N, C-alpha and C. Protein backbone atom coordinates (compact mmCIF):
# COMPACT_ATOMS: atom_id res chain seq x y z
N MET A 1 65.91 26.74 64.36
CA MET A 1 66.78 27.10 64.64
C MET A 1 66.53 27.58 66.24
N PRO A 2 67.50 27.56 66.92
CA PRO A 2 67.47 28.76 68.15
C PRO A 2 67.37 29.84 67.83
N GLN A 3 65.77 31.32 68.58
CA GLN A 3 65.63 32.52 68.33
C GLN A 3 66.93 33.35 69.46
N THR A 4 67.73 34.00 68.99
CA THR A 4 68.55 35.18 70.32
C THR A 4 67.68 36.03 70.71
N LYS A 5 67.93 36.23 71.95
CA LYS A 5 67.11 37.56 72.00
C LYS A 5 67.85 38.30 72.67
N PRO A 6 67.43 39.29 72.18
CA PRO A 6 68.66 40.93 72.48
C PRO A 6 69.04 41.42 73.81
N ALA A 7 70.21 41.95 73.78
CA ALA A 7 70.70 42.14 75.01
C ALA A 7 70.08 43.29 75.93
N ARG A 8 69.69 42.59 77.66
CA ARG A 8 69.32 43.86 78.16
C ARG A 8 70.02 44.20 78.96
N ASP A 9 70.11 45.74 79.27
CA ASP A 9 70.83 46.62 80.03
C ASP A 9 70.26 46.68 81.18
N ALA A 10 71.36 47.07 82.34
CA ALA A 10 71.17 46.65 83.55
C ALA A 10 69.93 47.56 84.31
N GLU A 11 68.82 48.24 83.17
CA GLU A 11 67.57 48.35 83.74
C GLU A 11 67.10 48.03 83.08
N GLY A 12 67.27 46.95 82.73
CA GLY A 12 66.40 46.06 81.87
C GLY A 12 65.72 46.30 80.43
N SER A 13 65.87 46.89 79.81
CA SER A 13 65.74 47.30 78.21
C SER A 13 66.20 46.80 77.75
N THR A 14 65.67 46.54 75.99
CA THR A 14 66.77 46.38 75.32
C THR A 14 67.31 47.55 74.05
N SER A 15 68.56 47.12 73.80
CA SER A 15 69.11 48.73 73.36
C SER A 15 70.04 48.11 72.20
N SER A 16 69.68 48.66 70.78
CA SER A 16 70.15 47.99 69.52
C SER A 16 71.73 49.06 69.70
N ASN A 17 71.60 50.00 70.36
CA ASN A 17 72.92 50.71 70.34
C ASN A 17 73.53 50.50 71.74
N PRO A 18 74.75 49.86 72.12
CA PRO A 18 75.66 49.88 73.16
C PRO A 18 75.74 50.68 73.55
N ASN A 19 76.25 51.65 73.52
CA ASN A 19 76.49 53.03 73.10
C ASN A 19 75.35 54.44 74.55
N PRO A 20 75.04 53.96 75.52
CA PRO A 20 73.93 55.18 76.45
C PRO A 20 74.31 56.86 76.49
N ASN A 21 75.64 57.23 75.75
CA ASN A 21 76.09 58.07 75.47
C ASN A 21 76.11 58.69 74.50
N ALA A 22 75.80 57.63 73.04
CA ALA A 22 75.80 58.15 72.00
C ALA A 22 74.10 58.55 71.67
N ARG A 23 73.03 57.93 72.14
CA ARG A 23 71.86 58.10 73.06
C ARG A 23 71.30 59.68 73.38
N ALA A 24 72.01 59.49 74.75
CA ALA A 24 72.55 61.48 74.71
C ALA A 24 72.78 62.68 74.50
N ALA A 25 73.77 61.77 73.77
CA ALA A 25 74.49 63.33 72.67
C ALA A 25 73.62 63.52 71.27
N SER A 26 72.71 62.69 71.03
CA SER A 26 71.43 62.80 69.83
C SER A 26 70.33 63.40 70.28
N SER A 27 69.93 63.07 71.39
CA SER A 27 68.54 63.81 72.29
C SER A 27 68.88 65.39 72.06
N TYR A 28 70.42 66.07 72.19
CA TYR A 28 70.57 67.26 72.16
C TYR A 28 71.11 68.12 70.98
N ALA A 29 71.09 67.37 70.23
CA ALA A 29 71.40 67.52 68.74
C ALA A 29 70.13 68.17 67.86
N LEU A 30 68.52 68.37 68.19
CA LEU A 30 67.69 69.16 67.76
C LEU A 30 67.42 69.96 68.36
N PRO A 31 67.18 69.95 69.27
CA PRO A 31 67.12 71.20 70.25
C PRO A 31 67.91 72.63 70.10
N ALA A 32 68.71 71.86 70.11
CA ALA A 32 70.13 72.97 69.46
C ALA A 32 70.45 73.31 68.14
N SER A 33 69.59 72.51 67.57
CA SER A 33 69.53 72.79 66.06
C SER A 33 69.09 74.04 65.70
N ILE A 34 67.41 74.22 66.38
CA ILE A 34 66.40 74.37 66.56
C ILE A 34 66.86 76.65 67.24
N ALA A 35 67.62 76.19 68.64
CA ALA A 35 67.58 76.96 68.77
C ALA A 35 68.54 78.24 68.69
N PHE A 36 69.58 77.61 67.45
CA PHE A 36 70.79 78.14 66.36
C PHE A 36 69.90 78.97 65.27
N GLY A 37 69.15 78.34 65.02
CA GLY A 37 68.18 78.46 63.68
C GLY A 37 67.22 79.72 64.06
N SER A 38 66.91 79.44 65.12
CA SER A 38 66.08 80.64 65.91
C SER A 38 66.64 82.12 65.40
N VAL A 39 68.05 81.93 66.27
CA VAL A 39 68.64 83.05 66.45
C VAL A 39 69.17 83.97 65.45
N VAL A 40 69.42 82.83 64.53
CA VAL A 40 69.89 83.74 62.77
C VAL A 40 68.42 84.25 61.90
N ILE A 41 67.41 83.55 62.22
CA ILE A 41 65.97 83.89 61.74
C ILE A 41 65.70 85.08 62.09
N ALA A 42 65.82 85.89 63.66
CA ALA A 42 65.77 86.43 64.17
C ALA A 42 66.72 87.84 63.84
N PHE A 43 67.93 87.59 63.98
CA PHE A 43 68.47 88.12 63.74
C PHE A 43 68.38 88.81 61.93
N GLY A 44 67.53 87.88 61.44
CA GLY A 44 67.68 88.47 59.88
C GLY A 44 66.07 89.27 60.15
N LEU A 45 65.84 89.14 60.93
CA LEU A 45 63.55 89.66 60.60
C LEU A 45 64.57 91.59 60.96
N TYR A 46 65.22 91.11 62.01
CA TYR A 46 65.61 92.49 63.01
C TYR A 46 66.18 93.45 61.81
N ALA A 47 67.74 92.92 61.13
CA ALA A 47 67.98 93.22 60.13
C ALA A 47 67.37 93.80 59.30
N GLY A 48 66.53 93.07 58.61
CA GLY A 48 65.54 93.91 57.45
C GLY A 48 64.49 94.66 57.63
N LEU A 49 63.70 94.28 58.96
CA LEU A 49 62.51 94.65 59.00
C LEU A 49 63.12 96.23 59.53
N GLY A 50 64.23 96.92 59.85
CA GLY A 50 65.00 97.88 60.91
C GLY A 50 65.20 98.57 59.31
N LYS A 51 65.39 98.47 58.56
CA LYS A 51 65.42 99.09 57.29
C LYS A 51 64.13 99.92 56.83
N GLY A 52 62.64 99.64 57.52
CA GLY A 52 61.89 100.30 56.75
C GLY A 52 61.15 101.48 57.69
N ARG A 53 62.33 101.59 58.55
CA ARG A 53 61.90 102.57 59.87
C ARG A 53 62.20 103.66 59.58
N ALA A 54 61.07 105.08 59.66
CA ALA A 54 61.31 106.44 59.39
C ALA A 54 61.91 107.27 60.09
N PRO A 55 62.68 108.04 59.61
CA PRO A 55 64.29 108.67 60.00
C PRO A 55 64.01 109.70 61.19
N ALA A 56 64.88 109.76 61.51
CA ALA A 56 64.67 110.46 63.57
C ALA A 56 64.27 111.85 63.36
N ALA A 57 63.63 111.89 64.53
CA ALA A 57 63.15 113.04 64.45
C ALA A 57 64.14 114.28 64.50
N ASP A 58 65.07 113.61 64.97
CA ASP A 58 66.07 115.28 66.00
C ASP A 58 66.98 116.02 64.35
N GLY A 59 66.71 115.41 63.14
CA GLY A 59 67.59 115.86 62.43
C GLY A 59 68.75 115.27 61.84
N ALA A 60 69.28 114.03 62.67
CA ALA A 60 70.00 113.43 62.75
C ALA A 60 70.21 112.65 61.25
N ALA A 61 71.85 112.55 60.67
CA ALA A 61 71.94 112.23 58.89
C ALA A 61 71.39 110.83 59.16
N THR A 62 70.38 110.19 57.23
CA THR A 62 70.54 108.56 57.74
C THR A 62 70.84 108.82 56.65
N LEU A 63 71.16 107.44 56.51
CA LEU A 63 71.26 106.46 55.16
C LEU A 63 70.67 106.46 54.13
N ALA A 64 69.74 106.87 53.46
CA ALA A 64 68.91 106.77 52.16
C ALA A 64 69.03 106.41 50.40
N ALA A 65 68.59 105.94 50.01
CA ALA A 65 68.77 105.59 48.73
C ALA A 65 68.37 106.69 47.78
N PRO A 66 69.31 106.83 46.84
CA PRO A 66 69.62 107.91 45.66
C PRO A 66 67.97 108.36 44.93
N SER A 67 67.94 109.45 44.94
CA SER A 67 66.45 109.26 44.33
C SER A 67 66.56 109.06 42.93
N ALA A 68 65.52 108.26 41.94
CA ALA A 68 65.64 108.29 40.75
C ALA A 68 64.35 107.59 40.07
N PRO A 69 64.14 108.15 39.49
CA PRO A 69 63.07 107.47 38.70
C PRO A 69 63.39 106.18 38.73
N THR A 70 61.34 105.57 39.16
CA THR A 70 61.17 103.99 39.36
C THR A 70 60.83 103.36 38.26
N PRO A 71 61.50 102.33 37.13
CA PRO A 71 60.22 101.38 36.40
C PRO A 71 59.40 101.28 36.71
N THR A 72 58.40 101.02 35.97
CA THR A 72 57.60 100.78 36.40
C THR A 72 56.60 99.34 35.55
N THR A 73 55.42 98.77 35.12
CA THR A 73 55.64 97.78 34.61
C THR A 73 53.58 98.15 34.18
N PRO A 74 53.32 97.74 32.27
CA PRO A 74 52.47 98.03 32.26
C PRO A 74 51.15 96.92 32.85
N SER A 75 50.50 96.98 33.52
CA SER A 75 49.59 96.19 33.69
C SER A 75 48.35 95.35 32.83
N THR A 76 48.65 94.07 32.98
CA THR A 76 48.41 93.04 32.44
C THR A 76 47.17 93.22 31.44
N THR A 77 45.75 93.73 31.63
CA THR A 77 44.54 94.11 30.65
C THR A 77 45.48 94.11 29.42
N GLY A 78 46.45 95.05 29.36
CA GLY A 78 46.72 95.84 27.64
C GLY A 78 46.65 97.27 27.73
N GLY A 79 47.30 97.84 26.86
CA GLY A 79 46.73 99.18 26.40
C GLY A 79 48.05 100.24 27.53
N GLU A 80 47.02 100.94 27.86
CA GLU A 80 48.06 102.32 28.79
C GLU A 80 47.72 101.20 29.71
N PRO A 81 49.01 101.62 30.62
CA PRO A 81 49.21 100.78 32.22
C PRO A 81 48.11 101.75 33.58
N SER A 82 47.42 101.58 33.74
CA SER A 82 46.36 102.22 34.60
C SER A 82 46.97 102.03 35.94
N ALA A 83 47.65 100.88 36.33
CA ALA A 83 47.93 101.43 37.86
C ALA A 83 49.75 100.75 37.99
N ARG A 84 50.30 101.38 38.21
CA ARG A 84 51.94 101.55 38.15
C ARG A 84 52.66 100.79 39.43
N VAL A 85 53.54 99.97 38.89
CA VAL A 85 53.94 98.81 39.61
C VAL A 85 55.10 98.84 39.83
N PRO A 86 55.95 99.53 41.09
CA PRO A 86 57.81 99.70 40.94
C PRO A 86 57.77 98.22 40.72
N ALA A 87 59.84 97.51 40.11
CA ALA A 87 59.87 96.45 39.70
C ALA A 87 61.31 96.88 40.73
N PHE A 88 61.87 97.92 40.77
CA PHE A 88 62.53 97.26 41.50
C PHE A 88 63.22 98.40 42.73
N ARG A 89 63.81 98.48 43.85
CA ARG A 89 64.05 99.85 44.51
C ARG A 89 66.10 100.33 44.52
N ALA A 90 66.36 101.07 44.03
CA ALA A 90 67.48 100.52 44.41
C ALA A 90 68.28 100.69 45.38
N ALA A 91 68.85 100.15 45.70
CA ALA A 91 70.18 100.21 46.44
C ALA A 91 70.71 101.01 46.80
N PRO A 92 71.40 101.51 48.26
CA PRO A 92 72.67 102.63 48.60
C PRO A 92 73.80 102.16 48.07
N SER A 93 74.37 103.31 46.92
CA SER A 93 75.85 102.94 46.82
C SER A 93 76.36 102.34 47.57
N GLU A 94 77.54 102.17 47.29
CA GLU A 94 78.81 101.45 47.47
C GLU A 94 79.54 102.93 48.60
N LEU A 95 79.75 103.74 47.75
CA LEU A 95 80.12 105.37 48.56
C LEU A 95 79.86 105.53 49.27
N ALA A 96 78.43 105.49 49.85
CA ALA A 96 77.23 105.87 50.89
C ALA A 96 77.02 104.92 52.12
N ILE A 97 77.36 103.75 51.18
CA ILE A 97 77.66 102.49 52.87
C ILE A 97 79.15 102.81 53.50
N SER A 98 80.19 103.18 52.47
CA SER A 98 80.87 102.85 52.81
C SER A 98 81.30 104.67 53.73
N GLU A 99 80.64 105.81 53.53
CA GLU A 99 80.15 106.59 54.36
C GLU A 99 80.20 106.61 55.86
N VAL A 100 78.91 105.42 55.86
CA VAL A 100 78.32 105.59 57.11
C VAL A 100 78.81 105.10 57.88
N ARG A 101 80.16 103.55 57.54
CA ARG A 101 81.14 103.07 58.34
C ARG A 101 82.18 103.77 58.79
N ARG A 102 82.35 104.40 57.79
CA ARG A 102 83.52 105.05 57.89
C ARG A 102 82.57 106.04 59.37
N ARG A 103 81.86 106.72 59.38
CA ARG A 103 81.42 107.90 60.49
C ARG A 103 81.27 106.90 61.94
N VAL A 104 79.98 105.77 61.76
CA VAL A 104 79.96 104.80 63.11
C VAL A 104 81.32 104.41 63.23
N THR A 105 82.26 104.35 62.77
CA THR A 105 83.92 103.33 63.15
C THR A 105 84.02 105.39 64.14
N GLY A 106 84.28 106.33 63.66
CA GLY A 106 84.67 107.64 64.36
C GLY A 106 83.89 107.34 65.55
N ASP A 107 82.44 107.67 65.62
CA ASP A 107 81.82 107.58 67.13
C ASP A 107 82.36 106.50 67.53
N ALA A 108 82.39 105.59 67.25
CA ALA A 108 82.61 104.38 68.15
C ALA A 108 83.65 105.02 68.91
N ARG A 109 84.73 104.85 68.08
CA ARG A 109 86.69 105.11 68.82
C ARG A 109 86.35 106.50 69.59
N ALA A 110 85.29 107.65 69.56
CA ALA A 110 85.68 108.41 70.27
C ALA A 110 84.88 108.29 71.37
N LEU A 111 83.62 107.17 71.83
CA LEU A 111 83.54 107.20 72.81
C LEU A 111 84.40 105.89 73.86
N LEU A 112 84.80 104.90 72.50
CA LEU A 112 86.02 104.38 73.39
C LEU A 112 86.65 105.78 74.10
N GLU A 113 87.78 106.32 73.44
CA GLU A 113 88.56 107.21 74.03
C GLU A 113 87.82 107.83 75.44
N LYS A 114 86.05 107.63 75.18
CA LYS A 114 86.47 108.56 76.06
C LYS A 114 86.53 107.67 77.83
N GLU A 115 85.87 106.13 77.65
CA GLU A 115 85.48 105.35 78.29
C GLU A 115 87.65 105.11 79.11
N ARG A 116 88.01 105.10 78.14
CA ARG A 116 89.66 104.95 78.22
C ARG A 116 90.51 104.98 79.54
N ALA A 117 90.27 106.16 80.00
CA ALA A 117 91.20 106.09 82.16
C ALA A 117 89.69 105.59 82.74
N GLN A 118 88.72 105.49 82.41
CA GLN A 118 87.85 104.35 83.63
C GLN A 118 88.89 102.81 82.68
N LEU A 119 88.85 102.48 81.75
CA LEU A 119 89.41 101.07 81.44
C LEU A 119 90.28 100.73 81.88
N THR A 120 91.47 101.80 82.07
CA THR A 120 92.89 101.62 82.15
C THR A 120 92.71 100.84 83.95
N ALA A 121 91.81 101.76 84.53
CA ALA A 121 91.90 102.02 86.10
C ALA A 121 91.22 100.39 86.26
N THR A 122 90.15 100.03 85.93
CA THR A 122 89.46 99.15 86.15
C THR A 122 90.06 97.90 86.22
N CYS A 123 90.65 97.70 84.55
CA CYS A 123 91.09 96.80 83.81
C CYS A 123 92.83 96.50 83.58
N TRP A 124 93.11 97.51 83.43
CA TRP A 124 95.09 97.42 83.30
C TRP A 124 95.91 97.55 84.35
N ALA A 125 95.00 98.37 85.31
CA ALA A 125 95.93 98.72 86.81
C ALA A 125 96.24 97.73 87.26
N LYS A 126 95.00 96.53 87.55
CA LYS A 126 95.44 94.97 88.46
C LYS A 126 96.03 94.02 87.54
N ALA A 127 96.13 93.83 86.64
CA ALA A 127 96.63 93.46 85.42
C ALA A 127 97.99 93.33 85.59
N ALA A 128 98.36 94.85 85.33
CA ALA A 128 100.10 95.38 85.54
C ALA A 128 100.78 94.93 86.45
N ALA A 129 99.78 95.06 87.54
CA ALA A 129 100.55 95.10 88.62
C ALA A 129 100.48 94.01 89.20
N ALA A 130 100.50 92.87 88.47
CA ALA A 130 100.09 91.56 88.83
C ALA A 130 101.45 90.96 87.83
N LYS A 131 102.02 91.02 86.44
CA LYS A 131 102.50 91.18 85.69
C LYS A 131 103.05 92.56 84.67
N ALA A 132 104.06 92.25 84.64
CA ALA A 132 104.41 93.74 84.14
C ALA A 132 104.51 93.98 82.99
N GLU A 133 104.89 92.89 82.14
CA GLU A 133 105.32 92.60 80.32
C GLU A 133 103.90 91.94 79.52
N PRO A 134 103.17 92.26 78.73
CA PRO A 134 103.83 93.50 78.13
C PRO A 134 103.62 94.97 78.38
N ALA A 135 103.93 95.66 78.57
CA ALA A 135 103.82 97.05 79.37
C ALA A 135 102.14 97.74 78.37
N THR A 136 102.26 97.26 76.69
CA THR A 136 101.27 97.82 76.21
C THR A 136 100.42 96.93 75.64
N ALA A 137 98.82 96.50 74.72
CA ALA A 137 98.34 95.97 74.57
C ALA A 137 97.28 96.34 73.75
N SER A 138 96.94 95.85 72.48
CA SER A 138 96.06 96.30 72.08
C SER A 138 94.72 95.47 71.81
N PHE A 139 93.30 96.28 72.06
CA PHE A 139 92.21 95.24 71.67
C PHE A 139 91.66 95.20 70.70
N VAL A 140 90.84 94.64 70.26
CA VAL A 140 89.77 94.95 68.78
C VAL A 140 88.53 94.43 69.76
N TYR A 141 87.62 95.88 69.33
CA TYR A 141 86.34 95.96 69.83
C TYR A 141 85.64 95.44 68.40
N SER A 142 84.42 94.94 68.31
CA SER A 142 83.16 94.51 67.05
C SER A 142 81.91 94.51 67.58
N ILE A 143 81.58 95.80 66.92
CA ILE A 143 80.31 96.33 67.64
C ILE A 143 79.20 96.29 66.58
N ALA A 144 78.48 96.41 67.04
CA ALA A 144 76.67 95.89 66.29
C ALA A 144 76.00 97.00 67.12
N PHE A 145 75.89 97.99 65.36
CA PHE A 145 74.88 98.83 66.20
C PHE A 145 72.99 98.97 65.15
N GLY A 146 72.48 99.01 65.55
CA GLY A 146 71.37 99.25 64.46
C GLY A 146 70.95 100.16 64.07
N ALA A 147 70.04 100.39 63.35
CA ALA A 147 69.79 101.69 62.49
C ALA A 147 69.50 103.10 63.93
N ASP A 148 68.93 102.88 64.69
CA ASP A 148 68.58 104.00 65.40
C ASP A 148 69.86 104.41 66.51
N GLY A 149 70.41 103.99 65.67
CA GLY A 149 72.22 103.64 66.43
C GLY A 149 72.38 103.58 68.17
N ARG A 150 71.54 102.63 68.70
CA ARG A 150 71.38 101.89 69.59
C ARG A 150 72.89 100.89 69.76
N GLU A 151 73.66 100.57 70.64
CA GLU A 151 74.27 99.26 70.59
C GLU A 151 73.81 98.38 70.15
N MET A 152 73.96 96.89 69.49
CA MET A 152 73.28 95.52 69.63
C MET A 152 74.12 94.99 70.71
N GLY A 153 75.65 94.80 69.98
CA GLY A 153 76.33 93.97 70.80
C GLY A 153 77.07 94.38 70.26
N ARG A 154 78.42 93.16 71.33
CA ARG A 154 79.56 93.63 71.12
C ARG A 154 80.64 92.21 71.29
N ALA A 155 81.72 92.45 71.17
CA ALA A 155 82.57 91.83 71.42
C ALA A 155 84.52 91.88 71.72
N VAL A 156 84.34 91.44 72.34
CA VAL A 156 86.65 91.98 72.55
C VAL A 156 87.37 91.24 72.61
N SER A 157 88.61 91.27 71.60
CA SER A 157 89.04 90.41 71.08
C SER A 157 90.52 90.78 72.12
N GLU A 158 91.84 90.28 71.24
CA GLU A 158 93.22 90.74 71.46
C GLU A 158 93.39 90.63 70.35
N ALA A 159 94.48 91.73 70.13
CA ALA A 159 95.00 91.79 68.51
C ALA A 159 95.83 90.93 68.96
N LYS A 160 96.90 90.13 69.61
CA LYS A 160 97.61 89.37 69.43
C LYS A 160 97.25 88.69 70.65
N THR A 161 97.16 86.85 70.30
CA THR A 161 96.33 86.17 71.24
C THR A 161 97.31 85.89 72.33
N GLY A 162 96.98 85.94 73.87
CA GLY A 162 97.73 85.02 74.35
C GLY A 162 98.58 86.50 75.46
N GLU A 163 97.94 88.27 74.80
CA GLU A 163 98.61 89.27 75.24
C GLU A 163 98.52 89.08 77.02
N ARG A 164 97.11 90.10 76.70
CA ARG A 164 96.93 90.14 77.82
C ARG A 164 95.35 89.82 78.44
N PRO A 165 95.13 88.22 78.37
CA PRO A 165 93.58 87.73 78.64
C PRO A 165 92.58 88.17 79.29
N GLU A 166 93.83 88.46 80.50
CA GLU A 166 93.12 89.38 82.04
C GLU A 166 92.56 90.10 81.96
N VAL A 167 93.17 90.96 80.59
CA VAL A 167 92.32 92.40 80.71
C VAL A 167 91.12 92.25 79.21
N ALA A 168 91.23 91.28 79.18
CA ALA A 168 90.49 91.32 77.75
C ALA A 168 89.18 90.65 78.54
N ASP A 169 89.23 89.95 79.55
CA ASP A 169 88.28 89.32 80.02
C ASP A 169 87.44 90.72 81.31
N CYS A 170 88.67 91.12 81.45
CA CYS A 170 87.36 92.27 81.96
C CYS A 170 86.84 93.14 81.15
N LEU A 171 87.71 93.11 80.04
CA LEU A 171 86.89 94.12 78.87
C LEU A 171 85.97 93.72 78.42
N ARG A 172 85.08 92.69 78.08
CA ARG A 172 84.46 92.23 78.08
C ARG A 172 83.32 92.16 78.96
N ILE A 173 83.06 92.33 80.48
CA ILE A 173 82.14 92.30 81.53
C ILE A 173 82.27 93.73 81.63
N THR A 174 83.55 94.55 81.56
CA THR A 174 83.01 96.06 82.09
C THR A 174 82.52 96.82 80.24
N VAL A 175 80.69 96.80 80.83
CA VAL A 175 80.22 97.02 79.19
C VAL A 175 79.00 98.72 79.79
N THR A 176 79.81 99.81 78.95
CA THR A 176 79.67 100.98 79.34
C THR A 176 78.17 101.42 77.89
N PRO A 177 77.20 100.71 77.61
CA PRO A 177 76.21 100.17 76.88
C PRO A 177 76.82 102.25 75.71
N MET A 178 76.58 102.05 74.45
CA MET A 178 76.72 102.63 73.50
C MET A 178 76.31 103.23 72.58
N THR A 179 75.73 104.88 72.49
CA THR A 179 74.63 105.22 71.60
C THR A 179 75.27 106.12 70.80
N ILE A 180 75.28 106.51 69.48
CA ILE A 180 75.88 107.36 68.28
C ILE A 180 74.38 108.29 67.69
N ALA A 181 74.99 108.52 67.05
CA ALA A 181 73.59 109.22 66.00
C ALA A 181 73.17 107.60 65.18
N PRO A 182 71.61 108.86 64.51
CA PRO A 182 71.21 107.13 64.03
C PRO A 182 72.10 107.05 62.75
N ALA A 183 72.09 105.70 62.00
CA ALA A 183 72.85 105.22 60.75
C ALA A 183 71.90 105.01 59.79
N GLY A 184 70.34 104.90 60.60
CA GLY A 184 69.56 104.37 58.75
C GLY A 184 69.19 103.05 58.59
N GLN A 185 70.74 101.88 59.06
CA GLN A 185 70.63 101.30 58.95
C GLN A 185 71.34 100.17 60.11
N PRO A 186 71.62 99.05 60.17
CA PRO A 186 72.43 98.80 61.38
C PRO A 186 73.92 98.32 60.74
N VAL A 187 74.72 98.47 61.64
CA VAL A 187 76.37 98.25 60.99
C VAL A 187 77.33 97.78 62.17
N MET A 188 77.84 97.01 61.69
CA MET A 188 79.04 96.86 62.30
C MET A 188 79.95 96.70 62.59
N VAL A 189 81.10 97.59 63.09
CA VAL A 189 82.54 98.15 63.32
C VAL A 189 83.37 97.93 63.97
N LYS A 190 84.80 97.61 63.77
CA LYS A 190 85.91 96.87 64.27
C LYS A 190 86.70 98.64 64.34
N VAL A 191 87.17 98.53 66.20
CA VAL A 191 87.39 99.30 66.70
C VAL A 191 89.04 99.10 66.73
N THR A 192 90.08 99.16 67.56
CA THR A 192 90.99 99.01 68.17
C THR A 192 91.47 99.62 69.27
N LEU A 193 91.65 99.33 70.38
CA LEU A 193 91.59 100.46 71.39
C LEU A 193 93.33 100.03 72.03
N ALA A 194 94.74 100.77 72.40
CA ALA A 194 95.44 100.73 72.77
C ALA A 194 95.55 100.37 74.10
N LEU A 195 95.13 99.81 75.11
CA LEU A 195 95.88 100.55 77.02
C LEU A 195 97.60 100.26 77.23
N PRO A 196 97.94 100.69 77.82
CA PRO A 196 97.04 101.73 78.94
C PRO A 196 97.09 102.99 78.36
């Protein structure tokens, strides 16, 4: 029986896959997934390690777990426990967390209101001159704050898609970093801003 030789491409190499684009696309999949996984792990570490920071020295309110007796487990040697080992640490109550979120949302809203005149002049005026309708539009800011009160990141989107995309684009690049009173934990809030 005669043996068949594998087909050679234009460069003279043999390939079992006739589509060279499939090989190129698969070569980017592994580095992209590694990069994405690294970002997820880094954010998780930042958020988790941020909870152990000491409260701010300026006396700002921070979120603290309610004080309760810490359950202990007896030593394994038997008899009276010689060393007490905490079994768990109480988590902040839902009420405390929602109160922190409410305060942070109010602080972020107040900072955006202070910037309203600049944002209107920078982003709205030019777009309104080019196209008068709609006369108003709302934009949703999603803002992440660290435990220390500094802004970690933000996203801006239109409340109704397609109302004023050019204004939303301008608001995304017009960034004045926000700092609020420390929350004691990472917090993400959404604030709606109506322009003009």
